[in-house]
Amino acid sequence: IIDSRIPVSSRNPMLDEIIGDKPRIIIMNK
């Protein structure tokens, strides 16, 4: 879940490393 007003800042950069190859979708909230 990210904030549509700040699509970059609301993405935790650590999540890419944590989630790895696990399938993912981004939900642009608000």
PDB file of all heavy atoms in Angstrom:
ATOM      1  N   ILE A   1       0.851  -1.189   0.000  1.00  0.00           N
ATOM      2  CA  ILE A   1       0.000   0.000   0.000  1.00  0.00           C
ATOM      3  C   ILE A   1       0.886   1.237   0.000  1.00  0.00           C
ATOM      4  O   ILE A   1       1.761   1.389   0.857  1.00  0.00           O
ATOM      5  CB  ILE A   1      -0.915   0.046   1.239  1.00  0.00           C
ATOM      6  CG1 ILE A   1      -1.623  -1.290   1.448  1.00  0.00           C
ATOM      7  CG2 ILE A   1      -1.911   1.182   1.114  1.00  0.00           C
ATOM      8  CD1 ILE A   1      -2.681  -1.618   0.461  1.00  0.00           C
ATOM      9  N   ILE A   2       0.675   2.123  -0.977  1.00  0.00           N
ATOM     10  CA  ILE A   2       1.428   3.379  -1.001  1.00  0.00           C
ATOM     11  C   ILE A   2       0.456   4.557  -1.039  1.00  0.00           C
ATOM     12  O   ILE A   2      -0.734   4.387  -1.307  1.00  0.00           O
ATOM     13  CB  ILE A   2       2.398   3.450  -2.198  1.00  0.00           C
ATOM     14  CG1 ILE A   2       1.629   3.554  -3.523  1.00  0.00           C
ATOM     15  CG2 ILE A   2       3.327   2.250  -2.205  1.00  0.00           C
ATOM     16  CD1 ILE A   2       2.528   3.827  -4.716  1.00  0.00           C
ATOM     17  N   ASP A   3       0.957   5.723  -0.761  1.00  0.00           N
ATOM     18  CA  ASP A   3       0.169   6.958  -0.794  1.00  0.00           C
ATOM     19  C   ASP A   3       0.314   7.573  -2.181  1.00  0.00           C
ATOM     20  O   ASP A   3       1.419   7.922  -2.595  1.00  0.00           O
ATOM     21  CB  ASP A   3       0.684   7.919   0.285  1.00  0.00           C
ATOM     22  CG  ASP A   3      -0.210   9.142   0.477  1.00  0.00           C
ATOM     23  OD1 ASP A   3      -0.746   9.666  -0.528  1.00  0.00           O
ATOM     24  OD2 ASP A   3      -0.351   9.591   1.628  1.00  0.00           O
ATOM     25  N   SER A   4      -0.798   7.710  -2.896  1.00  0.00           N
ATOM     26  CA  SER A   4      -0.758   8.216  -4.268  1.00  0.00           C
ATOM     27  C   SER A   4      -0.180   9.625  -4.378  1.00  0.00           C
ATOM     28  O   SER A   4       0.293  10.011  -5.442  1.00  0.00           O
ATOM     29  CB  SER A   4      -2.167   8.207  -4.870  1.00  0.00           C
ATOM     30  OG  SER A   4      -2.637   6.890  -5.003  1.00  0.00           O
ATOM     31  N   ARG A   5      -0.213  10.379  -3.292  1.00  0.00           N
ATOM     32  CA  ARG A   5       0.334  11.740  -3.321  1.00  0.00           C
ATOM     33  C   ARG A   5       1.853  11.731  -3.328  1.00  0.00           C
ATOM     34  O   ARG A   5       2.486  12.658  -3.813  1.00  0.00           O
ATOM     35  CB  ARG A   5      -0.180  12.543  -2.118  1.00  0.00           C
ATOM     36  CG  ARG A   5      -1.682  12.741  -2.103  1.00  0.00           C
ATOM     37  CD  ARG A   5      -2.162  13.268  -0.757  1.00  0.00           C
ATOM     38  NE  ARG A   5      -1.920  12.288   0.313  1.00  0.00           N
ATOM     39  CZ  ARG A   5      -2.242  12.481   1.585  1.00  0.00           C
ATOM     40  NH1 ARG A   5      -2.805  13.626   1.955  1.00  0.00           N
ATOM     41  NH2 ARG A   5      -2.011  11.540   2.490  1.00  0.00           N
ATOM     42  N   ILE A   6       2.451  10.647  -2.774  1.00  0.00           N
ATOM     43  CA  ILE A   6       3.914  10.555  -2.686  1.00  0.00           C
ATOM     44  C   ILE A   6       4.343   9.120  -3.045  1.00  0.00           C
ATOM     45  O   ILE A   6       4.821   8.377  -2.184  1.00  0.00           O
ATOM     46  CB  ILE A   6       4.424  10.953  -1.287  1.00  0.00           C
ATOM     47  CG1 ILE A   6       3.662  10.200  -0.182  1.00  0.00           C
ATOM     48  CG2 ILE A   6       4.298  12.447  -1.079  1.00  0.00           C
ATOM     49  CD1 ILE A   6       4.283  10.378   1.206  1.00  0.00           C
ATOM     50  N   PRO A   7       4.210   8.723  -4.307  1.00  0.00           N
ATOM     51  CA  PRO A   7       4.489   7.339  -4.709  1.00  0.00           C
ATOM     52  C   PRO A   7       5.927   6.877  -4.489  1.00  0.00           C
ATOM     53  O   PRO A   7       6.178   5.679  -4.400  1.00  0.00           O
ATOM     54  CB  PRO A   7       4.155   7.337  -6.210  1.00  0.00           C
ATOM     55  CG  PRO A   7       3.204   8.457  -6.391  1.00  0.00           C
ATOM     56  CD  PRO A   7       3.671   9.511  -5.428  1.00  0.00           C
ATOM     57  N   VAL A   8       6.852   7.810  -4.419  1.00  0.00           N
ATOM     58  CA  VAL A   8       8.255   7.437  -4.165  1.00  0.00           C
ATOM     59  C   VAL A   8       8.520   7.385  -2.666  1.00  0.00           C
ATOM     60  O   VAL A   8       8.990   6.373  -2.135  1.00  0.00           O
ATOM     61  CB  VAL A   8       9.224   8.427  -4.833  1.00  0.00           C
ATOM     62  CG1 VAL A   8      10.664   8.087  -4.472  1.00  0.00           C
ATOM     63  CG2 VAL A   8       9.049   8.412  -6.347  1.00  0.00           C
ATOM     64  N   SER A   9       8.202   8.456  -1.985  1.00  0.00           N
ATOM     65  CA  SER A   9       8.502   8.547  -0.556  1.00  0.00           C
ATOM     66  C   SER A   9       7.740   7.534   0.278  1.00  0.00           C
ATOM     67  O   SER A   9       8.207   7.133   1.352  1.00  0.00           O
ATOM     68  CB  SER A   9       8.194   9.963  -0.050  1.00  0.00           C
ATOM     69  OG  SER A   9       9.023  10.921  -0.675  1.00  0.00           O
ATOM     70  N   SER A  10       6.564   7.114  -0.184  1.00  0.00           N
ATOM     71  CA  SER A  10       5.757   6.179   0.607  1.00  0.00           C
ATOM     72  C   SER A  10       6.097   4.719   0.333  1.00  0.00           C
ATOM     73  O   SER A  10       5.424   3.820   0.824  1.00  0.00           O
ATOM     74  CB  SER A  10       4.263   6.407   0.367  1.00  0.00           C
ATOM     75  OG  SER A  10       3.912   6.219  -0.992  1.00  0.00           O
ATOM     76  N   ARG A  11       7.154   4.488  -0.447  1.00  0.00           N
ATOM     77  CA  ARG A  11       7.638   3.122  -0.679  1.00  0.00           C
ATOM     78  C   ARG A  11       8.899   2.891   0.145  1.00  0.00           C
ATOM     79  O   ARG A  11       9.910   3.568  -0.057  1.00  0.00           O
ATOM     80  CB  ARG A  11       7.921   2.874  -2.161  1.00  0.00           C
ATOM     81  CG  ARG A  11       6.706   2.930  -3.046  1.00  0.00           C
ATOM     82  CD  ARG A  11       7.010   2.330  -4.404  1.00  0.00           C
ATOM     83  NE  ARG A  11       7.200   0.883  -4.295  1.00  0.00           N
ATOM     84  CZ  ARG A  11       7.893   0.156  -5.175  1.00  0.00           C
ATOM     85  NH1 ARG A  11       8.507   0.749  -6.196  1.00  0.00           N
ATOM     86  NH2 ARG A  11       7.996  -1.145  -5.026  1.00  0.00           N
ATOM     87  N   ASN A  12       8.818   1.969   1.072  1.00  0.00           N
ATOM     88  CA  ASN A  12       9.974   1.646   1.901  1.00  0.00           C
ATOM     89  C   ASN A  12      11.016   0.927   1.050  1.00  0.00           C
ATOM     90  O   ASN A  12      10.767  -0.172   0.558  1.00  0.00           O
ATOM     91  CB  ASN A  12       9.533   0.749   3.063  1.00  0.00           C
ATOM     92  CG  ASN A  12      10.629   0.521   4.083  1.00  0.00           C
ATOM     93  OD1 ASN A  12      11.816   0.559   3.757  1.00  0.00           O
ATOM     94  ND2 ASN A  12      10.245   0.287   5.317  1.00  0.00           N
ATOM     95  N   PRO A  13      12.200   1.505   0.858  1.00  0.00           N
ATOM     96  CA  PRO A  13      13.215   0.887   0.007  1.00  0.00           C
ATOM     97  C   PRO A  13      13.698  -0.462   0.526  1.00  0.00           C
ATOM     98  O   PRO A  13      14.219  -1.276  -0.234  1.00  0.00           O
ATOM     99  CB  PRO A  13      14.348   1.915  -0.013  1.00  0.00           C
ATOM    100  CG  PRO A  13      14.137   2.741   1.207  1.00  0.00           C
ATOM    101  CD  PRO A  13      12.658   2.797   1.404  1.00  0.00           C
ATOM    102  N   MET A  14      13.504  -0.725   1.833  1.00  0.00           N
ATOM    103  CA  MET A  14      13.918  -2.006   2.389  1.00  0.00           C
ATOM    104  C   MET A  14      13.020  -3.149   1.918  1.00  0.00           C
ATOM    105  O   MET A  14      13.427  -4.312   1.927  1.00  0.00           O
ATOM    106  CB  MET A  14      13.891  -1.954   3.920  1.00  0.00           C
ATOM    107  CG  MET A  14      14.923  -1.043   4.537  1.00  0.00           C
ATOM    108  SD  MET A  14      15.082  -1.324   6.332  1.00  0.00           S
ATOM    109  CE  MET A  14      13.389  -1.092   6.875  1.00  0.00           C
ATOM    110  N   LEU A  15      11.784  -2.827   1.507  1.00  0.00           N
ATOM    111  CA  LEU A  15      10.842  -3.871   1.141  1.00  0.00           C
ATOM    112  C   LEU A  15      11.285  -4.671  -0.079  1.00  0.00           C
ATOM    113  O   LEU A  15      11.011  -5.866  -0.177  1.00  0.00           O
ATOM    114  CB  LEU A  15       9.456  -3.269   0.896  1.00  0.00           C
ATOM    115  CG  LEU A  15       8.667  -2.869   2.147  1.00  0.00           C
ATOM    116  CD1 LEU A  15       7.348  -2.223   1.762  1.00  0.00           C
ATOM    117  CD2 LEU A  15       8.424  -4.078   3.045  1.00  0.00           C
ATOM    118  N   ASP A  16      11.959  -4.010  -1.022  1.00  0.00           N
ATOM    119  CA  ASP A  16      12.435  -4.730  -2.203  1.00  0.00           C
ATOM    120  C   ASP A  16      13.360  -5.876  -1.802  1.00  0.00           C
ATOM    121  O   ASP A  16      13.264  -6.988  -2.330  1.00  0.00           O
ATOM    122  CB  ASP A  16      13.171  -3.782  -3.158  1.00  0.00           C
ATOM    123  CG  ASP A  16      12.218  -2.885  -3.927  1.00  0.00           C
ATOM    124  OD1 ASP A  16      11.048  -3.276  -4.098  1.00  0.00           O
ATOM    125  OD2 ASP A  16      12.635  -1.797  -4.352  1.00  0.00           O
ATOM    126  N   GLU A  17      14.238  -5.590  -0.862  1.00  0.00           N
ATOM    127  CA  GLU A  17      15.170  -6.612  -0.386  1.00  0.00           C
ATOM    128  C   GLU A  17      14.442  -7.665   0.436  1.00  0.00           C
ATOM    129  O   GLU A  17      14.713  -8.871   0.316  1.00  0.00           O
ATOM    130  CB  GLU A  17      16.274  -5.956   0.460  1.00  0.00           C
ATOM    131  CG  GLU A  17      17.284  -6.943   1.019  1.00  0.00           C
ATOM    132  CD  GLU A  17      18.329  -6.257   1.889  1.00  0.00           C
ATOM    133  OE1 GLU A  17      18.388  -5.014   1.896  1.00  0.00           O
ATOM    134  OE2 GLU A  17      19.091  -6.988   2.553  1.00  0.00           O
ATOM    135  N   ILE A  18      13.505  -7.214   1.273  1.00  0.00           N
ATOM    136  CA  ILE A  18      12.779  -8.132   2.150  1.00  0.00           C
ATOM    137  C   ILE A  18      11.881  -9.067   1.349  1.00  0.00           C
ATOM    138  O   ILE A  18      11.876 -10.289   1.552  1.00  0.00           O
ATOM    139  CB  ILE A  18      11.924  -7.345   3.171  1.00  0.00           C
ATOM    140  CG1 ILE A  18      12.821  -6.577   4.146  1.00  0.00           C
ATOM    141  CG2 ILE A  18      10.998  -8.287   3.942  1.00  0.00           C
ATOM    142  CD1 ILE A  18      12.073  -5.626   5.049  1.00  0.00           C
ATOM    143  N   ILE A  19      11.112  -8.506   0.404  1.00  0.00           N
ATOM    144  CA  ILE A  19      10.137  -9.291  -0.351  1.00  0.00           C
ATOM    145  C   ILE A  19      10.800 -10.166  -1.401  1.00  0.00           C
ATOM    146  O   ILE A  19      10.355 -11.274  -1.684  1.00  0.00           O
ATOM    147  CB  ILE A  19       9.101  -8.350  -1.006  1.00  0.00           C
ATOM    148  CG1 ILE A  19       8.288  -7.634   0.088  1.00  0.00           C
ATOM    149  CG2 ILE A  19       8.159  -9.124  -1.927  1.00  0.00           C
ATOM    150  CD1 ILE A  19       7.378  -6.548  -0.435  1.00  0.00           C
ATOM    151  N   GLY A  20      11.878  -9.665  -1.996  1.00  0.00           N
ATOM    152  CA  GLY A  20      12.612 -10.452  -2.984  1.00  0.00           C
ATOM    153  C   GLY A  20      11.772 -10.789  -4.208  1.00  0.00           C
ATOM    154  O   GLY A  20      11.134  -9.909  -4.795  1.00  0.00           O
ATOM    155  N   ASP A  21      11.725 -12.078  -4.564  1.00  0.00           N
ATOM    156  CA  ASP A  21      11.015 -12.512  -5.763  1.00  0.00           C
ATOM    157  C   ASP A  21       9.546 -12.846  -5.513  1.00  0.00           C
ATOM    158  O   ASP A  21       8.859 -13.321  -6.420  1.00  0.00           O
ATOM    159  CB  ASP A  21      11.704 -13.747  -6.373  1.00  0.00           C
ATOM    160  CG  ASP A  21      13.108 -13.421  -6.877  1.00  0.00           C
ATOM    161  OD1 ASP A  21      13.325 -12.265  -7.286  1.00  0.00           O
ATOM    162  OD2 ASP A  21      13.976 -14.321  -6.838  1.00  0.00           O
ATOM    163  N   LYS A  22       9.071 -12.650  -4.308  1.00  0.00           N
ATOM    164  CA  LYS A  22       7.669 -12.941  -3.994  1.00  0.00           C
ATOM    165  C   LYS A  22       6.765 -12.074  -4.873  1.00  0.00           C
ATOM    166  O   LYS A  22       7.005 -10.876  -5.019  1.00  0.00           O
ATOM    167  CB  LYS A  22       7.396 -12.644  -2.521  1.00  0.00           C
ATOM    168  CG  LYS A  22       5.963 -12.903  -2.066  1.00  0.00           C
ATOM    169  CD  LYS A  22       5.660 -14.377  -1.949  1.00  0.00           C
ATOM    170  CE  LYS A  22       6.370 -15.026  -0.805  1.00  0.00           C
ATOM    171  NZ  LYS A  22       5.931 -16.427  -0.577  1.00  0.00           N
ATOM    172  N   PRO A  23       5.740 -12.656  -5.511  1.00  0.00           N
ATOM    173  CA  PRO A  23       4.817 -11.848  -6.327  1.00  0.00           C
ATOM    174  C   PRO A  23       4.257 -10.675  -5.536  1.00  0.00           C
ATOM    175  O   PRO A  23       3.985 -10.786  -4.338  1.00  0.00           O
ATOM    176  CB  PRO A  23       3.717 -12.851  -6.691  1.00  0.00           C
ATOM    177  CG  PRO A  23       4.401 -14.181  -6.662  1.00  0.00           C
ATOM    178  CD  PRO A  23       5.392 -14.083  -5.536  1.00  0.00           C
ATOM    179  N   ARG A  24       4.098  -9.542  -6.240  1.00  0.00           N
ATOM    180  CA  ARG A  24       3.687  -8.320  -5.538  1.00  0.00           C
ATOM    181  C   ARG A  24       2.804  -7.472  -6.426  1.00  0.00           C
ATOM    182  O   ARG A  24       2.960  -7.437  -7.642  1.00  0.00           O
ATOM    183  CB  ARG A  24       4.942  -7.520  -5.151  1.00  0.00           C
ATOM    184  CG  ARG A  24       4.609  -6.205  -4.485  1.00  0.00           C
ATOM    185  CD  ARG A  24       5.786  -5.331  -4.089  1.00  0.00           C
ATOM    186  NE  ARG A  24       7.112  -5.793  -4.394  1.00  0.00           N
ATOM    187  CZ  ARG A  24       8.219  -5.099  -4.078  1.00  0.00           C
ATOM    188  NH1 ARG A  24       8.103  -3.946  -3.460  1.00  0.00           N
ATOM    189  NH2 ARG A  24       9.397  -5.553  -4.389  1.00  0.00           N
ATOM    190  N   ILE A  25       1.869  -6.769  -5.805  1.00  0.00           N
ATOM    191  CA  ILE A  25       1.114  -5.722  -6.485  1.00  0.00           C
ATOM    192  C   ILE A  25       1.223  -4.448  -5.649  1.00  0.00           C
ATOM    193  O   ILE A  25       1.431  -4.511  -4.437  1.00  0.00           O
ATOM    194  CB  ILE A  25      -0.374  -6.095  -6.700  1.00  0.00           C
ATOM    195  CG1 ILE A  25      -1.076  -6.342  -5.362  1.00  0.00           C
ATOM    196  CG2 ILE A  25      -0.510  -7.288  -7.619  1.00  0.00           C
ATOM    197  CD1 ILE A  25      -2.566  -6.605  -5.512  1.00  0.00           C
ATOM    198  N   ILE A  26       1.132  -3.315  -6.310  1.00  0.00           N
ATOM    199  CA  ILE A  26       1.143  -2.029  -5.616  1.00  0.00           C
ATOM    200  C   ILE A  26      -0.264  -1.450  -5.646  1.00  0.00           C
ATOM    201  O   ILE A  26      -0.892  -1.379  -6.706  1.00  0.00           O
ATOM    202  CB  ILE A  26       2.138  -1.055  -6.264  1.00  0.00           C
ATOM    203  CG1 ILE A  26       3.571  -1.466  -5.913  1.00  0.00           C
ATOM    204  CG2 ILE A  26       1.881   0.378  -5.810  1.00  0.00           C
ATOM    205  CD1 ILE A  26       4.632  -0.557  -6.492  1.00  0.00           C
ATOM    206  N   ILE A  27      -0.740  -1.081  -4.479  1.00  0.00           N
ATOM    207  CA  ILE A  27      -2.057  -0.475  -4.370  1.00  0.00           C
ATOM    208  C   ILE A  27      -1.873   1.003  -4.045  1.00  0.00           C
ATOM    209  O   ILE A  27      -1.418   1.362  -2.960  1.00  0.00           O
ATOM    210  CB  ILE A  27      -2.907  -1.174  -3.300  1.00  0.00           C
ATOM    211  CG1 ILE A  27      -3.160  -2.631  -3.721  1.00  0.00           C
ATOM    212  CG2 ILE A  27      -4.221  -0.438  -3.080  1.00  0.00           C
ATOM    213  CD1 ILE A  27      -3.927  -3.451  -2.736  1.00  0.00           C
ATOM    214  N   MET A  28      -2.206   1.846  -5.016  1.00  0.00           N
ATOM    215  CA  MET A  28      -2.057   3.291  -4.850  1.00  0.00           C
ATOM    216  C   MET A  28      -3.275   3.829  -4.100  1.00  0.00           C
ATOM    217  O   MET A  28      -4.308   4.120  -4.673  1.00  0.00           O
ATOM    218  CB  MET A  28      -1.905   3.961  -6.214  1.00  0.00           C
ATOM    219  CG  MET A  28      -0.626   3.576  -6.932  1.00  0.00           C
ATOM    220  SD  MET A  28      -0.477   4.333  -8.564  1.00  0.00           S
ATOM    221  CE  MET A  28      -0.559   6.083  -8.153  1.00  0.00           C
ATOM    222  N   ASN A  29      -3.111   3.952  -2.790  1.00  0.00           N
ATOM    223  CA  ASN A  29      -4.200   4.380  -1.922  1.00  0.00           C
ATOM    224  C   ASN A  29      -4.332   5.908  -1.914  1.00  0.00           C
ATOM    225  O   ASN A  29      -3.420   6.622  -2.314  1.00  0.00           O
ATOM    226  CB  ASN A  29      -3.936   3.859  -0.506  1.00  0.00           C
ATOM    227  CG  ASN A  29      -5.148   3.965   0.389  1.00  0.00           C
ATOM    228  OD1 ASN A  29      -6.284   4.016  -0.092  1.00  0.00           O
ATOM    229  ND2 ASN A  29      -4.918   3.989   1.688  1.00  0.00           N
ATOM    230  N   LYS A  30      -5.480   6.382  -1.462  1.00  0.00           N
ATOM    231  CA  LYS A  30      -5.761   7.817  -1.348  1.00  0.00           C
ATOM    232  C   LYS A  30      -5.678   8.507  -2.712  1.00  0.00           C
ATOM    233  O   LYS A  30      -5.278   9.676  -2.803  1.00  0.00           O
ATOM    234  CB  LYS A  30      -4.811   8.474  -0.340  1.00  0.00           C
ATOM    235  CG  LYS A  30      -4.845   7.789   1.032  1.00  0.00           C
ATOM    236  CD  LYS A  30      -3.968   8.475   2.054  1.00  0.00           C
ATOM    237  CE  LYS A  30      -4.006   7.716   3.377  1.00  0.00           C
ATOM    238  NZ  LYS A  30      -3.192   8.328   4.432  1.00  0.00           N
TER     239      LYS A  30
END
